[in-house]
Amino acid sequence: MGIETLAIVAIAATVAGAGISAYSSYEAGKSQEALGKYNQAVMNNEALARQADARAAANAQRAQNEALKAKQRALYAKAGVVSAGTPLLVQAEQAATLEMAALDIERTGNIEAGRMRAQGDLDRMQGKIARRGANMQAAGTILQGAGSAAGMGAGFRYQGIV
């Protein structure tokens, strides 16, 4: 193997190394994008679960509220209080307050679900940005490898090796 062959092998190795490095960057970017999409799906599923949990908790709160209101009506009836006038106003105000507590449970769940969805969107965007960055890095690596190979070739030609 002569010096000319070694020069060609060196240039080929430089080009191959740049290609492998570029492909590695490209694949890493694809993986980051896929991970971002996966994380978004996970966060969306968690958001749906949180909303369902909030609805269930609010419904449980409403069931407790109904039991409390029924107990109050029974106690009013036992005491001979008629559900009219002031007692009726008290019952209506309490029913509104109890329903507000149930609605607050649902609202809190919806807010948390919204935050989870926003985090999922952010994860997806970060994956896209990582892929774009990796593609740019791959392109830069290819150009750098081509430049190095061209420089080596010119140097070998100048020295009269090739």
N, C-alpha and C. Protein backbone atom coordinates (compact mmCIF):
# COMPACT_ATOMS: atom_id res chain seq x y z
N MET A 1 0.86 -1.16 0.00
CA MET A 1 0.00 0.00 0.00
C MET A 1 0.91 1.22 0.00
N GLY A 2 0.73 2.02 -1.04
CA GLY A 2 1.58 3.20 -1.18
C GLY A 2 1.01 4.40 -0.46
N ILE A 3 1.76 5.46 -0.47
CA ILE A 3 1.35 6.69 0.20
C ILE A 3 0.10 7.27 -0.45
N GLU A 4 -0.05 7.09 -1.75
CA GLU A 4 -1.23 7.58 -2.44
C GLU A 4 -2.49 6.88 -1.91
N THR A 5 -2.40 5.58 -1.73
CA THR A 5 -3.51 4.81 -1.19
C THR A 5 -3.85 5.27 0.22
N LEU A 6 -2.84 5.50 1.04
CA LEU A 6 -3.07 5.98 2.40
C LEU A 6 -3.74 7.34 2.39
N ALA A 7 -3.37 8.18 1.46
CA ALA A 7 -4.01 9.50 1.36
C ALA A 7 -5.48 9.36 1.02
N ILE A 8 -5.79 8.48 0.08
CA ILE A 8 -7.19 8.26 -0.30
C ILE A 8 -7.97 7.66 0.86
N VAL A 9 -7.37 6.72 1.58
CA VAL A 9 -8.02 6.12 2.76
C VAL A 9 -8.28 7.19 3.83
N ALA A 10 -7.33 8.09 4.03
CA ALA A 10 -7.50 9.16 5.02
C ALA A 10 -8.66 10.07 4.65
N ILE A 11 -8.75 10.41 3.37
CA ILE A 11 -9.86 11.26 2.91
C ILE A 11 -11.18 10.52 3.08
N ALA A 12 -11.20 9.24 2.68
CA ALA A 12 -12.42 8.43 2.80
C ALA A 12 -12.84 8.28 4.26
N ALA A 13 -11.87 8.09 5.14
CA ALA A 13 -12.17 7.96 6.57
C ALA A 13 -12.75 9.26 7.13
N THR A 14 -12.23 10.38 6.67
CA THR A 14 -12.75 11.67 7.11
C THR A 14 -14.20 11.84 6.67
N VAL A 15 -14.47 11.52 5.41
CA VAL A 15 -15.83 11.62 4.88
C VAL A 15 -16.76 10.65 5.61
N ALA A 16 -16.30 9.41 5.80
CA ALA A 16 -17.12 8.40 6.49
C ALA A 16 -17.40 8.82 7.93
N GLY A 17 -16.39 9.33 8.61
CA GLY A 17 -16.57 9.78 9.99
C GLY A 17 -17.58 10.91 10.08
N ALA A 18 -17.50 11.83 9.14
CA ALA A 18 -18.47 12.93 9.12
C ALA A 18 -19.87 12.40 8.86
N GLY A 19 -19.97 11.43 7.96
CA GLY A 19 -21.28 10.84 7.67
C GLY A 19 -21.88 10.13 8.87
N ILE A 20 -21.05 9.37 9.56
CA ILE A 20 -21.53 8.64 10.75
C ILE A 20 -21.95 9.63 11.83
N SER A 21 -21.16 10.65 12.04
CA SER A 21 -21.48 11.66 13.04
C SER A 21 -22.77 12.39 12.68
N ALA A 22 -22.93 12.72 11.41
CA ALA A 22 -24.15 13.41 10.96
C ALA A 22 -25.37 12.51 11.15
N TYR A 23 -25.23 11.25 10.79
CA TYR A 23 -26.35 10.31 10.95
C TYR A 23 -26.71 10.15 12.42
N SER A 24 -25.70 10.10 13.28
CA SER A 24 -25.93 9.99 14.72
C SER A 24 -26.71 11.20 15.23
N SER A 25 -26.33 12.39 14.79
CA SER A 25 -27.05 13.60 15.19
C SER A 25 -28.50 13.56 14.69
N TYR A 26 -28.66 13.14 13.45
CA TYR A 26 -30.00 13.05 12.86
C TYR A 26 -30.88 12.09 13.66
N GLU A 27 -30.36 10.92 13.98
CA GLU A 27 -31.12 9.93 14.74
C GLU A 27 -31.43 10.42 16.15
N ALA A 28 -30.47 11.10 16.77
CA ALA A 28 -30.71 11.65 18.11
C ALA A 28 -31.84 12.67 18.06
N GLY A 29 -31.88 13.47 17.03
CA GLY A 29 -32.96 14.44 16.87
C GLY A 29 -34.31 13.77 16.70
N LYS A 30 -34.34 12.71 15.89
CA LYS A 30 -35.59 11.96 15.72
C LYS A 30 -36.05 11.38 17.04
N SER A 31 -35.11 10.86 17.82
CA SER A 31 -35.46 10.29 19.13
C SER A 31 -36.01 11.35 20.07
N GLN A 32 -35.39 12.52 20.07
CA GLN A 32 -35.88 13.60 20.93
C GLN A 32 -37.28 14.03 20.53
N GLU A 33 -37.52 14.10 19.24
CA GLU A 33 -38.86 14.49 18.78
C GLU A 33 -39.88 13.42 19.18
N ALA A 34 -39.53 12.15 19.00
CA ALA A 34 -40.43 11.07 19.38
C ALA A 34 -40.70 11.08 20.89
N LEU A 35 -39.67 11.35 21.66
CA LEU A 35 -39.84 11.43 23.11
C LEU A 35 -40.76 12.58 23.48
N GLY A 36 -40.62 13.71 22.81
CA GLY A 36 -41.51 14.85 23.06
C GLY A 36 -42.95 14.51 22.78
N LYS A 37 -43.20 13.82 21.66
CA LYS A 37 -44.56 13.40 21.32
C LYS A 37 -45.11 12.42 22.35
N TYR A 38 -44.27 11.50 22.77
CA TYR A 38 -44.68 10.51 23.78
C TYR A 38 -45.04 11.22 25.09
N ASN A 39 -44.18 12.13 25.52
CA ASN A 39 -44.44 12.86 26.76
C ASN A 39 -45.73 13.66 26.67
N GLN A 40 -45.99 14.23 25.49
CA GLN A 40 -47.24 14.97 25.31
C GLN A 40 -48.43 14.03 25.47
N ALA A 41 -48.36 12.85 24.88
CA ALA A 41 -49.46 11.89 25.00
C ALA A 41 -49.66 11.47 26.45
N VAL A 42 -48.56 11.26 27.17
CA VAL A 42 -48.65 10.88 28.59
C VAL A 42 -49.33 12.00 29.38
N MET A 43 -48.90 13.24 29.14
CA MET A 43 -49.47 14.37 29.87
C MET A 43 -50.95 14.54 29.53
N ASN A 44 -51.33 14.33 28.27
CA ASN A 44 -52.74 14.43 27.90
C ASN A 44 -53.56 13.35 28.60
N ASN A 45 -53.02 12.14 28.68
CA ASN A 45 -53.72 11.06 29.39
C ASN A 45 -53.84 11.38 30.88
N GLU A 46 -52.79 11.92 31.45
CA GLU A 46 -52.85 12.29 32.87
C GLU A 46 -53.87 13.41 33.08
N ALA A 47 -53.96 14.32 32.13
CA ALA A 47 -54.94 15.41 32.23
C ALA A 47 -56.36 14.84 32.21
N LEU A 48 -56.61 13.90 31.30
CA LEU A 48 -57.93 13.27 31.25
C LEU A 48 -58.25 12.55 32.55
N ALA A 49 -57.26 11.86 33.09
CA ALA A 49 -57.46 11.14 34.35
C ALA A 49 -57.74 12.12 35.49
N ARG A 50 -57.01 13.24 35.50
CA ARG A 50 -57.22 14.24 36.56
C ARG A 50 -58.62 14.84 36.48
N GLN A 51 -59.09 15.10 35.27
CA GLN A 51 -60.44 15.62 35.11
C GLN A 51 -61.48 14.60 35.58
N ALA A 52 -61.27 13.34 35.22
CA ALA A 52 -62.20 12.29 35.66
C ALA A 52 -62.18 12.16 37.18
N ASP A 53 -60.99 12.22 37.79
CA ASP A 53 -60.89 12.16 39.25
C ASP A 53 -61.63 13.34 39.89
N ALA A 54 -61.48 14.51 39.29
CA ALA A 54 -62.13 15.71 39.84
C ALA A 54 -63.65 15.58 39.74
N ARG A 55 -64.12 15.06 38.60
CA ARG A 55 -65.57 14.87 38.46
C ARG A 55 -66.08 13.87 39.49
N ALA A 56 -65.34 12.79 39.69
CA ALA A 56 -65.75 11.78 40.67
C ALA A 56 -65.75 12.38 42.08
N ALA A 57 -64.72 13.16 42.41
CA ALA A 57 -64.66 13.78 43.74
C ALA A 57 -65.79 14.78 43.91
N ALA A 58 -66.09 15.54 42.85
CA ALA A 58 -67.19 16.51 42.93
C ALA A 58 -68.52 15.79 43.10
N ASN A 59 -68.70 14.68 42.40
CA ASN A 59 -69.95 13.90 42.55
C ASN A 59 -70.06 13.30 43.94
N ALA A 60 -68.93 12.84 44.48
CA ALA A 60 -68.94 12.33 45.86
C ALA A 60 -69.29 13.45 46.83
N GLN A 61 -68.75 14.65 46.58
CA GLN A 61 -69.08 15.80 47.41
C GLN A 61 -70.57 16.11 47.32
N ARG A 62 -71.12 16.03 46.12
CA ARG A 62 -72.56 16.29 45.93
C ARG A 62 -73.40 15.25 46.68
N ALA A 63 -72.96 14.01 46.66
CA ALA A 63 -73.70 12.97 47.40
C ALA A 63 -73.68 13.26 48.89
N GLN A 64 -72.52 13.68 49.41
CA GLN A 64 -72.44 14.07 50.82
C GLN A 64 -73.34 15.27 51.10
N ASN A 65 -73.36 16.20 50.16
CA ASN A 65 -74.20 17.39 50.31
C ASN A 65 -75.67 17.00 50.40
N GLU A 66 -76.08 16.09 49.51
CA GLU A 66 -77.49 15.65 49.52
C GLU A 66 -77.83 14.96 50.83
N ALA A 67 -76.91 14.15 51.34
CA ALA A 67 -77.15 13.47 52.61
C ALA A 67 -77.29 14.49 53.74
N LEU A 68 -76.44 15.51 53.73
CA LEU A 68 -76.51 16.55 54.76
C LEU A 68 -77.82 17.33 54.66
N LYS A 69 -78.23 17.67 53.44
CA LYS A 69 -79.49 18.40 53.27
C LYS A 69 -80.69 17.54 53.71
N ALA A 70 -80.64 16.25 53.40
CA ALA A 70 -81.74 15.36 53.81
C ALA A 70 -81.80 15.26 55.32
N LYS A 71 -80.63 15.19 55.96
CA LYS A 71 -80.59 15.13 57.43
C LYS A 71 -81.16 16.42 58.02
N GLN A 72 -80.81 17.56 57.43
CA GLN A 72 -81.33 18.83 57.92
C GLN A 72 -82.85 18.90 57.76
N ARG A 73 -83.37 18.44 56.62
CA ARG A 73 -84.82 18.46 56.42
C ARG A 73 -85.52 17.57 57.45
N ALA A 74 -84.90 16.42 57.74
CA ALA A 74 -85.48 15.52 58.73
C ALA A 74 -85.48 16.17 60.11
N LEU A 75 -84.37 16.84 60.45
CA LEU A 75 -84.30 17.51 61.75
C LEU A 75 -85.30 18.67 61.83
N TYR A 76 -85.45 19.41 60.73
CA TYR A 76 -86.46 20.49 60.70
C TYR A 76 -87.86 19.92 60.90
N ALA A 77 -88.13 18.83 60.19
CA ALA A 77 -89.45 18.21 60.29
C ALA A 77 -89.70 17.69 61.70
N LYS A 78 -88.69 17.08 62.30
CA LYS A 78 -88.81 16.53 63.65
C LYS A 78 -89.08 17.65 64.66
N ALA A 79 -88.47 18.82 64.40
CA ALA A 79 -88.65 19.96 65.31
C ALA A 79 -89.92 20.73 64.99
N GLY A 80 -90.61 20.35 63.91
CA GLY A 80 -91.84 21.03 63.54
C GLY A 80 -91.62 22.31 62.76
N VAL A 81 -90.42 22.49 62.22
CA VAL A 81 -90.13 23.68 61.43
C VAL A 81 -90.63 23.44 60.01
N VAL A 82 -91.37 24.41 59.49
CA VAL A 82 -91.91 24.31 58.13
C VAL A 82 -90.86 24.87 57.16
N SER A 83 -90.72 24.20 56.01
CA SER A 83 -89.75 24.64 54.99
C SER A 83 -90.34 25.79 54.20
N ALA A 84 -90.43 26.91 54.86
CA ALA A 84 -90.92 28.13 54.22
C ALA A 84 -90.27 29.30 54.94
N GLY A 85 -90.23 30.42 54.27
CA GLY A 85 -89.67 31.61 54.89
C GLY A 85 -88.19 31.48 55.17
N THR A 86 -87.79 31.85 56.40
CA THR A 86 -86.38 31.86 56.78
C THR A 86 -85.73 30.48 56.70
N PRO A 87 -86.35 29.41 57.18
CA PRO A 87 -85.71 28.09 57.05
C PRO A 87 -85.46 27.71 55.59
N LEU A 88 -86.37 28.06 54.71
CA LEU A 88 -86.19 27.76 53.30
C LEU A 88 -85.02 28.56 52.74
N LEU A 89 -84.90 29.82 53.13
CA LEU A 89 -83.77 30.64 52.69
C LEU A 89 -82.45 30.08 53.19
N VAL A 90 -82.43 29.60 54.44
CA VAL A 90 -81.22 29.00 55.00
C VAL A 90 -80.84 27.76 54.22
N GLN A 91 -81.84 26.93 53.91
CA GLN A 91 -81.58 25.71 53.15
C GLN A 91 -81.07 26.04 51.74
N ALA A 92 -81.65 27.03 51.10
CA ALA A 92 -81.23 27.41 49.75
C ALA A 92 -79.81 27.96 49.77
N GLU A 93 -79.49 28.79 50.78
CA GLU A 93 -78.13 29.33 50.88
C GLU A 93 -77.12 28.22 51.13
N GLN A 94 -77.49 27.29 52.00
CA GLN A 94 -76.58 26.19 52.28
C GLN A 94 -76.39 25.31 51.04
N ALA A 95 -77.47 25.07 50.29
CA ALA A 95 -77.37 24.26 49.07
C ALA A 95 -76.43 24.93 48.06
N ALA A 96 -76.53 26.25 47.96
CA ALA A 96 -75.65 26.98 47.04
C ALA A 96 -74.20 26.88 47.50
N THR A 97 -73.97 27.02 48.80
CA THR A 97 -72.61 26.93 49.34
C THR A 97 -72.03 25.54 49.12
N LEU A 98 -72.83 24.52 49.34
CA LEU A 98 -72.37 23.15 49.14
C LEU A 98 -72.06 22.87 47.67
N GLU A 99 -72.91 23.39 46.77
CA GLU A 99 -72.66 23.18 45.34
C GLU A 99 -71.40 23.94 44.91
N MET A 100 -71.14 25.09 45.49
CA MET A 100 -69.92 25.83 45.17
C MET A 100 -68.69 25.01 45.55
N ALA A 101 -68.76 24.28 46.65
CA ALA A 101 -67.63 23.43 47.05
C ALA A 101 -67.40 22.34 46.01
N ALA A 102 -68.48 21.74 45.51
CA ALA A 102 -68.34 20.70 44.48
C ALA A 102 -67.80 21.29 43.18
N LEU A 103 -68.28 22.47 42.82
CA LEU A 103 -67.79 23.12 41.60
C LEU A 103 -66.32 23.50 41.74
N ASP A 104 -65.91 23.88 42.94
CA ASP A 104 -64.51 24.23 43.17
C ASP A 104 -63.61 23.01 42.98
N ILE A 105 -64.07 21.85 43.39
CA ILE A 105 -63.30 20.61 43.18
C ILE A 105 -63.11 20.38 41.69
N GLU A 106 -64.18 20.52 40.91
CA GLU A 106 -64.08 20.33 39.46
C GLU A 106 -63.17 21.38 38.83
N ARG A 107 -63.29 22.63 39.27
CA ARG A 107 -62.47 23.70 38.72
C ARG A 107 -61.00 23.44 38.97
N THR A 108 -60.67 23.01 40.18
CA THR A 108 -59.27 22.71 40.51
C THR A 108 -58.74 21.59 39.61
N GLY A 109 -59.54 20.57 39.40
CA GLY A 109 -59.14 19.47 38.51
C GLY A 109 -58.94 19.94 37.07
N ASN A 110 -59.82 20.83 36.61
CA ASN A 110 -59.69 21.36 35.25
C ASN A 110 -58.45 22.22 35.10
N ILE A 111 -58.13 22.99 36.13
CA ILE A 111 -56.92 23.82 36.09
C ILE A 111 -55.68 22.93 36.03
N GLU A 112 -55.64 21.90 36.87
CA GLU A 112 -54.50 20.98 36.86
C GLU A 112 -54.39 20.27 35.52
N ALA A 113 -55.52 19.88 34.95
CA ALA A 113 -55.51 19.21 33.64
C ALA A 113 -54.98 20.16 32.57
N GLY A 114 -55.37 21.41 32.65
CA GLY A 114 -54.87 22.40 31.69
C GLY A 114 -53.37 22.57 31.81
N ARG A 115 -52.86 22.58 33.03
CA ARG A 115 -51.42 22.68 33.22
C ARG A 115 -50.70 21.46 32.65
N MET A 116 -51.30 20.29 32.83
CA MET A 116 -50.69 19.07 32.29
C MET A 116 -50.66 19.11 30.76
N ARG A 117 -51.74 19.58 30.16
CA ARG A 117 -51.77 19.67 28.70
C ARG A 117 -50.74 20.68 28.20
N ALA A 118 -50.63 21.79 28.90
CA ALA A 118 -49.63 22.80 28.51
C ALA A 118 -48.22 22.22 28.61
N GLN A 119 -47.95 21.44 29.66
CA GLN A 119 -46.64 20.81 29.80
C GLN A 119 -46.41 19.82 28.66
N GLY A 120 -47.46 19.09 28.29
CA GLY A 120 -47.34 18.16 27.16
C GLY A 120 -47.04 18.88 25.86
N ASP A 121 -47.71 20.03 25.65
CA ASP A 121 -47.42 20.83 24.45
C ASP A 121 -45.97 21.31 24.47
N LEU A 122 -45.51 21.74 25.63
CA LEU A 122 -44.13 22.20 25.76
C LEU A 122 -43.15 21.06 25.47
N ASP A 123 -43.44 19.87 25.99
CA ASP A 123 -42.57 18.71 25.73
C ASP A 123 -42.49 18.42 24.23
N ARG A 124 -43.64 18.50 23.54
CA ARG A 124 -43.65 18.24 22.10
C ARG A 124 -42.84 19.30 21.37
N MET A 125 -43.01 20.57 21.75
CA MET A 125 -42.25 21.63 21.09
C MET A 125 -40.75 21.49 21.34
N GLN A 126 -40.37 21.10 22.55
CA GLN A 126 -38.96 20.90 22.85
C GLN A 126 -38.38 19.77 22.00
N GLY A 127 -39.16 18.73 21.78
CA GLY A 127 -38.72 17.64 20.91
C GLY A 127 -38.51 18.11 19.48
N LYS A 128 -39.42 18.94 19.00
CA LYS A 128 -39.27 19.47 17.63
C LYS A 128 -38.02 20.35 17.53
N ILE A 129 -37.82 21.19 18.53
CA ILE A 129 -36.65 22.07 18.53
C ILE A 129 -35.37 21.24 18.57
N ALA A 130 -35.36 20.18 19.40
CA ALA A 130 -34.18 19.32 19.49
C ALA A 130 -33.91 18.65 18.14
N ARG A 131 -34.96 18.25 17.45
CA ARG A 131 -34.76 17.61 16.14
C ARG A 131 -34.19 18.62 15.15
N ARG A 132 -34.73 19.82 15.15
CA ARG A 132 -34.20 20.84 14.23
C ARG A 132 -32.73 21.13 14.53
N GLY A 133 -32.41 21.23 15.80
CA GLY A 133 -31.02 21.47 16.18
C GLY A 133 -30.11 20.34 15.75
N ALA A 134 -30.59 19.12 15.93
CA ALA A 134 -29.79 17.96 15.54
C ALA A 134 -29.61 17.92 14.02
N ASN A 135 -30.65 18.29 13.28
CA ASN A 135 -30.52 18.32 11.81
C ASN A 135 -29.50 19.38 11.38
N MET A 136 -29.52 20.51 12.07
CA MET A 136 -28.54 21.55 11.76
C MET A 136 -27.13 21.06 12.10
N GLN A 137 -27.02 20.39 13.23
CA GLN A 137 -25.71 19.85 13.62
C GLN A 137 -25.24 18.81 12.60
N ALA A 138 -26.15 17.99 12.12
CA ALA A 138 -25.79 16.98 11.11
C ALA A 138 -25.31 17.66 9.83
N ALA A 139 -26.03 18.69 9.42
CA ALA A 139 -25.62 19.40 8.21
C ALA A 139 -24.25 20.05 8.40
N GLY A 140 -24.03 20.63 9.56
CA GLY A 140 -22.73 21.24 9.85
C GLY A 140 -21.62 20.21 9.85
N THR A 141 -21.90 19.04 10.38
CA THR A 141 -20.90 17.97 10.42
C THR A 141 -20.54 17.52 9.00
N ILE A 142 -21.56 17.41 8.16
CA ILE A 142 -21.30 17.01 6.77
C ILE A 142 -20.44 18.07 6.07
N LEU A 143 -20.80 19.33 6.26
CA LEU A 143 -20.01 20.39 5.63
C LEU A 143 -18.58 20.43 6.18
N GLN A 144 -18.46 20.24 7.48
CA GLN A 144 -17.12 20.23 8.09
C GLN A 144 -16.30 19.06 7.55
N GLY A 145 -16.93 17.90 7.45
CA GLY A 145 -16.24 16.72 6.91
C GLY A 145 -15.84 16.92 5.46
N ALA A 146 -16.75 17.53 4.67
CA ALA A 146 -16.43 17.79 3.26
C ALA A 146 -15.27 18.79 3.16
N GLY A 147 -15.30 19.80 4.02
CA GLY A 147 -14.22 20.78 4.02
C GLY A 147 -12.89 20.16 4.42
N SER A 148 -12.93 19.31 5.44
CA SER A 148 -11.69 18.63 5.87
C SER A 148 -11.16 17.72 4.77
N ALA A 149 -12.06 16.99 4.14
CA ALA A 149 -11.63 16.08 3.06
C ALA A 149 -11.06 16.88 1.89
N ALA A 150 -11.70 17.98 1.55
CA ALA A 150 -11.20 18.81 0.45
C ALA A 150 -9.83 19.40 0.81
N GLY A 151 -9.70 19.83 2.05
CA GLY A 151 -8.42 20.37 2.50
C GLY A 151 -7.33 19.32 2.47
N MET A 152 -7.67 18.12 2.91
CA MET A 152 -6.69 17.03 2.87
C MET A 152 -6.30 16.72 1.43
N GLY A 153 -7.31 16.66 0.56
CA GLY A 153 -7.05 16.36 -0.84
C GLY A 153 -6.16 17.42 -1.47
N ALA A 154 -6.45 18.68 -1.16
CA ALA A 154 -5.63 19.76 -1.71
C ALA A 154 -4.21 19.69 -1.18
N GLY A 155 -4.07 19.38 0.10
CA GLY A 155 -2.74 19.24 0.70
C GLY A 155 -1.97 18.09 0.08
N PHE A 156 -2.64 16.96 -0.13
CA PHE A 156 -1.98 15.82 -0.76
C PHE A 156 -1.59 16.15 -2.21
N ARG A 157 -2.46 16.85 -2.89
CA ARG A 157 -2.18 17.22 -4.29
C ARG A 157 -1.00 18.21 -4.34
N TYR A 158 -0.98 19.15 -3.39
CA TYR A 158 0.11 20.13 -3.33
C TYR A 158 1.45 19.43 -3.09
N GLN A 159 1.38 18.40 -2.24
CA GLN A 159 2.62 17.66 -1.92
C GLN A 159 2.97 16.67 -3.02
N GLY A 160 2.08 16.51 -3.98
CA GLY A 160 2.33 15.61 -5.08
C GLY A 160 2.05 14.16 -4.74
N ILE A 161 1.30 13.92 -3.66
CA ILE A 161 1.00 12.54 -3.25
C ILE A 161 -0.12 11.97 -4.13
N VAL A 162 -1.10 12.80 -4.42
CA VAL A 162 -2.24 12.34 -5.22
C VAL A 162 -2.22 13.03 -6.56
